């Protein structure tokens, strides 16, 4: 109807969560990312970097799948992991340096991209022959559960943990790259007269570590929220 006034929805009040990064290489990585951000051409923006990180992680999964045909594809996986680090880590730093931050958009797009790309990465690893498919699936499930816990903690506590203990995404990429190089020499090693796939051994340790971090985080955050919202 002409002349009808449509009420506007009030603007959402959004307070960005405090970012907590305490991993092994966090301090040095921050300096490198700042150096890169200050030298990034003006024609490149954060969206370009986010897309680079997403595509390169998906391509890493494709390259893992092709390892069964050509083991040297592991070198391309390592290159894709580097590009993934560059895009996934630099996008936020670039936005902050240029004061072009979109905290809700950036948080959502960055982490939904990470979740989808993780499916491609672990899917490729599962069919690569480098690791048992069940272990690759376990890695994906543990990663997604740990991510869900981190996102819930971000919403309820206002703190976003980018790392757990000394490990964060960058350390995981470094370990994967080292593992890729080791696989070029041998995909198995010997324990008590049994031959075990290198990535099976590493995958089981990674799953156990993520489950441990998950359980500790759930207990700590549940206790904190209980205390802060105690009913008299």
C-alpha atoms as a PDB file:
ATOM      1  CA  UNK A   1       0.000   0.000   0.000  1.00  0.00           C
ATOM      2  CA  UNK A   2       1.327   3.424  -0.960  1.00  0.00           C
ATOM      3  CA  UNK A   3       2.568   5.488   1.916  1.00  0.00           C
ATOM      4  CA  UNK A   4       3.010   2.485   4.217  1.00  0.00           C
ATOM      5  CA  UNK A   5       6.004   2.919   6.494  1.00  0.00           C
ATOM      6  CA  UNK A   6       8.014  -0.256   6.878  1.00  0.00           C
ATOM      7  CA  UNK A   7       9.667  -0.354  10.302  1.00  0.00           C
ATOM      8  CA  UNK A   8      13.390  -0.825  10.101  1.00  0.00           C
ATOM      9  CA  UNK A   9      15.025  -3.569  12.091  1.00  0.00           C
ATOM     10  CA  UNK A  10      17.333  -2.141  14.754  1.00  0.00           C
ATOM     11  CA  UNK A  11      21.020  -2.583  14.044  1.00  0.00           C
ATOM     12  CA  UNK A  12      22.598  -5.562  15.730  1.00  0.00           C
ATOM     13  CA  UNK A  13      24.975  -4.719  18.521  1.00  0.00           C
ATOM     14  CA  UNK A  14      28.054  -6.840  17.979  1.00  0.00           C
ATOM     15  CA  UNK A  15      31.116  -6.954  20.204  1.00  0.00           C
ATOM     16  CA  UNK A  16      34.055  -8.810  18.604  1.00  0.00           C
ATOM     17  CA  UNK A  17      35.396 -11.647  20.731  1.00  0.00           C
ATOM     18  CA  UNK A  18      38.866 -11.460  22.229  1.00  0.00           C
ATOM     19  CA  UNK A  19      41.248 -13.491  20.079  1.00  0.00           C
ATOM     20  CA  UNK A  20      43.520 -15.826  22.047  1.00  0.00           C
ATOM     21  CA  UNK A  21      46.531 -17.234  20.204  1.00  0.00           C
ATOM     22  CA  UNK A  22      49.225 -18.941  22.287  1.00  0.00           C
ATOM     23  CA  UNK A  23      50.679 -21.474  19.874  1.00  0.00           C
ATOM     24  CA  UNK A  24      54.380 -22.189  19.392  1.00  0.00           C
ATOM     25  CA  UNK A  25      54.911 -19.956  16.369  1.00  0.00           C
ATOM     26  CA  UNK A  26      52.238 -17.336  17.145  1.00  0.00           C
ATOM     27  CA  UNK A  27      54.610 -14.491  18.005  1.00  0.00           C
ATOM     28  CA  UNK A  28      56.867 -14.926  14.970  1.00  0.00           C
ATOM     29  CA  UNK A  29      53.879 -15.581  12.707  1.00  0.00           C
ATOM     30  CA  UNK A  30      52.235 -12.330  13.791  1.00  0.00           C
ATOM     31  CA  UNK A  31      55.309 -10.341  12.786  1.00  0.00           C
ATOM     32  CA  UNK A  32      55.534 -12.087   9.404  1.00  0.00           C
ATOM     33  CA  UNK A  33      51.839 -11.505   8.677  1.00  0.00           C
ATOM     34  CA  UNK A  34      52.128  -7.830   9.612  1.00  0.00           C
ATOM     35  CA  UNK A  35      55.131  -7.465   7.287  1.00  0.00           C
ATOM     36  CA  UNK A  36      53.206  -9.126   4.455  1.00  0.00           C
ATOM     37  CA  UNK A  37      50.044  -7.094   5.066  1.00  0.00           C
ATOM     38  CA  UNK A  38      51.939  -3.804   4.818  1.00  0.00           C
ATOM     39  CA  UNK A  39      53.341  -4.892   1.448  1.00  0.00           C
ATOM     40  CA  UNK A  40      50.212  -6.440  -0.064  1.00  0.00           C
ATOM     41  CA  UNK A  41      49.120  -4.637  -3.266  1.00  0.00           C
ATOM     42  CA  UNK A  42      46.019  -2.461  -2.894  1.00  0.00           C
ATOM     43  CA  UNK A  43      44.261  -4.507  -5.583  1.00  0.00           C
ATOM     44  CA  UNK A  44      44.248  -7.527  -3.255  1.00  0.00           C
ATOM     45  CA  UNK A  45      41.736  -7.507  -0.408  1.00  0.00           C
ATOM     46  CA  UNK A  46      40.759  -9.848   2.411  1.00  0.00           C
ATOM     47  CA  UNK A  47      38.094 -11.607   0.354  1.00  0.00           C
ATOM     48  CA  UNK A  48      40.706 -12.555  -2.237  1.00  0.00           C
ATOM     49  CA  UNK A  49      42.891 -14.052   0.487  1.00  0.00           C
ATOM     50  CA  UNK A  50      40.008 -15.948   2.070  1.00  0.00           C
ATOM     51  CA  UNK A  51      39.189 -17.422  -1.337  1.00  0.00           C
ATOM     52  CA  UNK A  52      42.852 -18.326  -1.846  1.00  0.00           C
ATOM     53  CA  UNK A  53      42.921 -20.140   1.497  1.00  0.00           C
ATOM     54  CA  UNK A  54      39.712 -22.028   0.733  1.00  0.00           C
ATOM     55  CA  UNK A  55      40.640 -23.108  -2.792  1.00  0.00           C
ATOM     56  CA  UNK A  56      44.181 -24.106  -1.865  1.00  0.00           C
ATOM     57  CA  UNK A  57      42.999 -26.337   0.999  1.00  0.00           C
ATOM     58  CA  UNK A  58      40.454 -28.004  -1.306  1.00  0.00           C
ATOM     59  CA  UNK A  59      43.213 -28.514  -3.892  1.00  0.00           C
ATOM     60  CA  UNK A  60      45.403 -30.041  -1.177  1.00  0.00           C
ATOM     61  CA  UNK A  61      42.679 -32.653  -0.725  1.00  0.00           C
ATOM     62  CA  UNK A  62      42.572 -33.282  -4.488  1.00  0.00           C
ATOM     63  CA  UNK A  63      46.356 -33.695  -4.549  1.00  0.00           C
ATOM     64  CA  UNK A  64      46.187 -36.143  -1.630  1.00  0.00           C
ATOM     65  CA  UNK A  65      43.660 -38.187  -3.618  1.00  0.00           C
ATOM     66  CA  UNK A  66      46.095 -38.298  -6.549  1.00  0.00           C
ATOM     67  CA  UNK A  67      48.975 -39.544  -4.385  1.00  0.00           C
ATOM     68  CA  UNK A  68      47.757 -43.100  -5.032  1.00  0.00           C
ATOM     69  CA  UNK A  69      48.601 -42.510  -8.714  1.00  0.00           C
ATOM     70  CA  UNK A  70      51.704 -40.358  -8.269  1.00  0.00           C
ATOM     71  CA  UNK A  71      53.450 -40.093  -4.844  1.00  0.00           C
ATOM     72  CA  UNK A  72      55.155 -36.861  -5.921  1.00  0.00           C
ATOM     73  CA  UNK A  73      51.771 -35.154  -5.604  1.00  0.00           C
ATOM     74  CA  UNK A  74      52.739 -34.872  -1.944  1.00  0.00           C
ATOM     75  CA  UNK A  75      54.963 -31.968  -2.961  1.00  0.00           C
ATOM     76  CA  UNK A  76      51.958 -30.193  -4.453  1.00  0.00           C
ATOM     77  CA  UNK A  77      50.014 -30.867  -1.254  1.00  0.00           C
ATOM     78  CA  UNK A  78      52.732 -29.086   0.700  1.00  0.00           C
ATOM     79  CA  UNK A  79      52.626 -26.141  -1.711  1.00  0.00           C
ATOM     80  CA  UNK A  80      48.841 -25.947  -1.345  1.00  0.00           C
ATOM     81  CA  UNK A  81      49.193 -25.982   2.441  1.00  0.00           C
ATOM     82  CA  UNK A  82      51.526 -22.987   2.215  1.00  0.00           C
ATOM     83  CA  UNK A  83      49.028 -21.088   0.052  1.00  0.00           C
ATOM     84  CA  UNK A  84      46.269 -22.073   2.474  1.00  0.00           C
ATOM     85  CA  UNK A  85      48.295 -20.639   5.358  1.00  0.00           C
ATOM     86  CA  UNK A  86      48.931 -17.446   3.384  1.00  0.00           C
ATOM     87  CA  UNK A  87      45.287 -16.862   2.529  1.00  0.00           C
ATOM     88  CA  UNK A  88      43.716 -18.109   5.740  1.00  0.00           C
ATOM     89  CA  UNK A  89      46.117 -16.284   8.059  1.00  0.00           C
ATOM     90  CA  UNK A  90      46.704 -13.041   6.183  1.00  0.00           C
ATOM     91  CA  UNK A  91      43.084 -12.104   5.410  1.00  0.00           C
ATOM     92  CA  UNK A  92      42.265 -10.952   8.943  1.00  0.00           C
ATOM     93  CA  UNK A  93      45.603  -9.196   9.437  1.00  0.00           C
ATOM     94  CA  UNK A  94      45.141  -7.314   6.173  1.00  0.00           C
ATOM     95  CA  UNK A  95      41.668  -6.178   7.218  1.00  0.00           C
ATOM     96  CA  UNK A  96      42.955  -4.906  10.555  1.00  0.00           C
ATOM     97  CA  UNK A  97      45.962  -3.119   9.033  1.00  0.00           C
ATOM     98  CA  UNK A  98      43.735  -1.349   6.496  1.00  0.00           C
ATOM     99  CA  UNK A  99      40.946  -0.774   9.030  1.00  0.00           C
ATOM    100  CA  UNK A 100      38.514  -2.553   6.720  1.00  0.00           C
ATOM    101  CA  UNK A 101      37.137  -4.949   9.291  1.00  0.00           C
ATOM    102  CA  UNK A 102      33.792  -6.730   8.984  1.00  0.00           C
ATOM    103  CA  UNK A 103      33.853  -8.839  12.159  1.00  0.00           C
ATOM    104  CA  UNK A 104      30.564 -10.754  11.710  1.00  0.00           C
ATOM    105  CA  UNK A 105      31.005 -11.340   7.986  1.00  0.00           C
ATOM    106  CA  UNK A 106      34.692 -12.207   8.379  1.00  0.00           C
ATOM    107  CA  UNK A 107      34.130 -14.607  11.260  1.00  0.00           C
ATOM    108  CA  UNK A 108      31.306 -16.432   9.500  1.00  0.00           C
ATOM    109  CA  UNK A 109      32.868 -16.696   6.039  1.00  0.00           C
ATOM    110  CA  UNK A 110      36.323 -17.598   7.342  1.00  0.00           C
ATOM    111  CA  UNK A 111      35.171 -20.449   9.536  1.00  0.00           C
ATOM    112  CA  UNK A 112      32.450 -21.912   7.354  1.00  0.00           C
ATOM    113  CA  UNK A 113      35.101 -22.015   4.615  1.00  0.00           C
ATOM    114  CA  UNK A 114      37.479 -23.805   6.978  1.00  0.00           C
ATOM    115  CA  UNK A 115      34.828 -26.420   7.776  1.00  0.00           C
ATOM    116  CA  UNK A 116      33.995 -27.139   4.130  1.00  0.00           C
ATOM    117  CA  UNK A 117      37.673 -27.181   3.113  1.00  0.00           C
ATOM    118  CA  UNK A 118      38.454 -29.604   5.958  1.00  0.00           C
ATOM    119  CA  UNK A 119      35.967 -32.031   4.395  1.00  0.00           C
ATOM    120  CA  UNK A 120      37.861 -31.865   1.084  1.00  0.00           C
ATOM    121  CA  UNK A 121      41.253 -32.223   2.771  1.00  0.00           C
ATOM    122  CA  UNK A 122      40.302 -35.238   4.863  1.00  0.00           C
ATOM    123  CA  UNK A 123      38.309 -36.733   2.019  1.00  0.00           C
ATOM    124  CA  UNK A 124      41.352 -36.631  -0.223  1.00  0.00           C
ATOM    125  CA  UNK A 125      43.517 -38.040   2.534  1.00  0.00           C
ATOM    126  CA  UNK A 126      41.045 -40.880   3.080  1.00  0.00           C
ATOM    127  CA  UNK A 127      41.403 -42.120  -0.511  1.00  0.00           C
ATOM    128  CA  UNK A 128      45.132 -41.422  -0.821  1.00  0.00           C
ATOM    129  CA  UNK A 129      46.292 -44.735   0.596  1.00  0.00           C
ATOM    130  CA  UNK A 130      48.482 -42.803   3.055  1.00  0.00           C
ATOM    131  CA  UNK A 131      46.092 -43.346   5.963  1.00  0.00           C
ATOM    132  CA  UNK A 132      43.226 -45.679   6.831  1.00  0.00           C
ATOM    133  CA  UNK A 133      39.917 -44.057   5.798  1.00  0.00           C
ATOM    134  CA  UNK A 134      38.494 -44.539   9.306  1.00  0.00           C
ATOM    135  CA  UNK A 135      41.334 -42.507  10.799  1.00  0.00           C
ATOM    136  CA  UNK A 136      40.823 -39.724   8.238  1.00  0.00           C
ATOM    137  CA  UNK A 137      37.126 -39.696   9.160  1.00  0.00           C
ATOM    138  CA  UNK A 138      38.041 -39.606  12.840  1.00  0.00           C
ATOM    139  CA  UNK A 139      40.295 -36.611  12.222  1.00  0.00           C
ATOM    140  CA  UNK A 140      37.487 -34.766  10.441  1.00  0.00           C
ATOM    141  CA  UNK A 141      34.952 -35.509  13.194  1.00  0.00           C
ATOM    142  CA  UNK A 142      37.372 -34.506  15.974  1.00  0.00           C
ATOM    143  CA  UNK A 143      38.258 -31.281  14.137  1.00  0.00           C
ATOM    144  CA  UNK A 144      34.620 -30.327  13.586  1.00  0.00           C
ATOM    145  CA  UNK A 145      33.678 -31.092  17.214  1.00  0.00           C
ATOM    146  CA  UNK A 146      36.580 -29.008  18.496  1.00  0.00           C
ATOM    147  CA  UNK A 147      35.553 -26.206  16.123  1.00  0.00           C
ATOM    148  CA  UNK A 148      31.949 -26.318  17.361  1.00  0.00           C
ATOM    149  CA  UNK A 149      33.142 -26.038  20.957  1.00  0.00           C
ATOM    150  CA  UNK A 150      35.355 -23.068  20.057  1.00  0.00           C
ATOM    151  CA  UNK A 151      32.505 -21.274  18.272  1.00  0.00           C
ATOM    152  CA  UNK A 152      30.104 -21.873  21.186  1.00  0.00           C
ATOM    153  CA  UNK A 153      32.711 -20.546  23.612  1.00  0.00           C
ATOM    154  CA  UNK A 154      33.182 -17.503  21.383  1.00  0.00           C
ATOM    155  CA  UNK A 155      29.453 -16.750  21.530  1.00  0.00           C
ATOM    156  CA  UNK A 156      28.930 -17.432  25.235  1.00  0.00           C
ATOM    157  CA  UNK A 157      32.222 -16.216  26.710  1.00  0.00           C
ATOM    158  CA  UNK A 158      33.416 -13.630  24.204  1.00  0.00           C
ATOM    159  CA  UNK A 159      36.790 -15.328  23.743  1.00  0.00           C
ATOM    160  CA  UNK A 160      37.876 -17.028  20.546  1.00  0.00           C
ATOM    161  CA  UNK A 161      40.667 -19.546  21.038  1.00  0.00           C
ATOM    162  CA  UNK A 162      42.714 -19.776  17.848  1.00  0.00           C
ATOM    163  CA  UNK A 163      44.935 -22.417  19.414  1.00  0.00           C
ATOM    164  CA  UNK A 164      44.754 -25.187  21.996  1.00  0.00           C
ATOM    165  CA  UNK A 165      47.850 -25.448  24.132  1.00  0.00           C
ATOM    166  CA  UNK A 166      50.866 -24.989  21.883  1.00  0.00           C
ATOM    167  CA  UNK A 167      49.045 -26.067  18.746  1.00  0.00           C
ATOM    168  CA  UNK A 168      47.033 -24.071  16.268  1.00  0.00           C
ATOM    169  CA  UNK A 169      46.285 -24.255  12.536  1.00  0.00           C
ATOM    170  CA  UNK A 170      49.804 -23.195  11.540  1.00  0.00           C
ATOM    171  CA  UNK A 171      51.473 -25.877  13.640  1.00  0.00           C
ATOM    172  CA  UNK A 172      49.142 -28.488  12.132  1.00  0.00           C
ATOM    173  CA  UNK A 173      50.090 -27.368   8.621  1.00  0.00           C
ATOM    174  CA  UNK A 174      53.786 -27.597   9.529  1.00  0.00           C
ATOM    175  CA  UNK A 175      53.356 -31.129  10.881  1.00  0.00           C
ATOM    176  CA  UNK A 176      51.440 -32.159   7.748  1.00  0.00           C
ATOM    177  CA  UNK A 177      54.171 -30.714   5.531  1.00  0.00           C
ATOM    178  CA  UNK A 178      56.866 -32.582   7.474  1.00  0.00           C
ATOM    179  CA  UNK A 179      54.783 -35.752   7.224  1.00  0.00           C
ATOM    180  CA  UNK A 180      54.425 -35.293   3.467  1.00  0.00           C
ATOM    181  CA  UNK A 181      58.188 -35.087   3.029  1.00  0.00           C
ATOM    182  CA  UNK A 182      58.641 -38.163   5.227  1.00  0.00           C
ATOM    183  CA  UNK A 183      56.099 -40.078   3.120  1.00  0.00           C
ATOM    184  CA  UNK A 184      58.241 -39.536   0.032  1.00  0.00           C
ATOM    185  CA  UNK A 185      60.900 -41.668   1.698  1.00  0.00           C
ATOM    186  CA  UNK A 186      58.653 -44.281   3.291  1.00  0.00           C
ATOM    187  CA  UNK A 187      54.939 -44.512   4.092  1.00  0.00           C
ATOM    188  CA  UNK A 188      55.443 -46.986   6.938  1.00  0.00           C
ATOM    189  CA  UNK A 189      57.668 -47.560   9.946  1.00  0.00           C
ATOM    190  CA  UNK A 190      58.267 -50.506  12.233  1.00  0.00           C
ATOM    191  CA  UNK A 191      57.026 -50.961  15.813  1.00  0.00           C
ATOM    192  CA  UNK A 192      57.463 -54.304  17.582  1.00  0.00           C
ATOM    193  CA  UNK A 193      57.971 -56.168  14.296  1.00  0.00           C
ATOM    194  CA  UNK A 194      54.791 -54.628  12.832  1.00  0.00           C
ATOM    195  CA  UNK A 195      54.709 -52.249   9.877  1.00  0.00           C
ATOM    196  CA  UNK A 196      52.459 -49.250  10.552  1.00  0.00           C
ATOM    197  CA  UNK A 197      51.456 -46.447   8.217  1.00  0.00           C
ATOM    198  CA  UNK A 198      53.163 -43.225   9.304  1.00  0.00           C
ATOM    199  CA  UNK A 199      49.964 -41.205   8.915  1.00  0.00           C
ATOM    200  CA  UNK A 200      47.935 -43.836  10.782  1.00  0.00           C
ATOM    201  CA  UNK A 201      50.227 -43.385  13.781  1.00  0.00           C
ATOM    202  CA  UNK A 202      50.198 -39.597  13.541  1.00  0.00           C
ATOM    203  CA  UNK A 203      46.448 -39.532  12.917  1.00  0.00           C
ATOM    204  CA  UNK A 204      45.652 -41.546  16.026  1.00  0.00           C
ATOM    205  CA  UNK A 205      47.819 -39.232  18.129  1.00  0.00           C
ATOM    206  CA  UNK A 206      46.139 -36.177  16.580  1.00  0.00           C
ATOM    207  CA  UNK A 207      42.648 -37.569  17.266  1.00  0.00           C
ATOM    208  CA  UNK A 208      43.569 -38.356  20.877  1.00  0.00           C
ATOM    209  CA  UNK A 209      45.011 -34.856  21.318  1.00  0.00           C
ATOM    210  CA  UNK A 210      41.935 -33.134  19.873  1.00  0.00           C
ATOM    211  CA  UNK A 211      39.612 -35.231  22.041  1.00  0.00           C
ATOM    212  CA  UNK A 212      41.678 -34.318  25.103  1.00  0.00           C
ATOM    213  CA  UNK A 213      41.546 -30.601  24.238  1.00  0.00           C
ATOM    214  CA  UNK A 214      37.793 -30.938  23.615  1.00  0.00           C
ATOM    215  CA  UNK A 215      37.062 -32.594  26.956  1.00  0.00           C
ATOM    216  CA  UNK A 216      39.227 -30.133  28.905  1.00  0.00           C
ATOM    217  CA  UNK A 217      37.603 -27.146  27.147  1.00  0.00           C
ATOM    218  CA  UNK A 218      34.082 -28.467  27.755  1.00  0.00           C
ATOM    219  CA  UNK A 219      34.741 -28.986  31.458  1.00  0.00           C
ATOM    220  CA  UNK A 220      36.459 -25.621  31.917  1.00  0.00           C
ATOM    221  CA  UNK A 221      33.900 -23.593  29.992  1.00  0.00           C
ATOM    222  CA  UNK A 222      30.903 -25.365  31.515  1.00  0.00           C
ATOM    223  CA  UNK A 223      32.249 -24.701  35.005  1.00  0.00           C
ATOM    224  CA  UNK A 224      32.906 -21.044  34.190  1.00  0.00           C
ATOM    225  CA  UNK A 225      29.431 -20.502  32.730  1.00  0.00           C
ATOM    226  CA  UNK A 226      27.836 -22.281  35.709  1.00  0.00           C
ATOM    227  CA  UNK A 227      29.627 -19.944  38.116  1.00  0.00           C
ATOM    228  CA  UNK A 228      28.762 -16.828  36.126  1.00  0.00           C
ATOM    229  CA  UNK A 229      25.090 -17.756  35.850  1.00  0.00           C
ATOM    230  CA  UNK A 230      24.570 -19.470  39.182  1.00  0.00           C
ATOM    231  CA  UNK A 231      20.946 -19.526  40.294  1.00  0.00           C
ATOM    232  CA  UNK A 232      20.569 -18.569  43.963  1.00  0.00           C
END
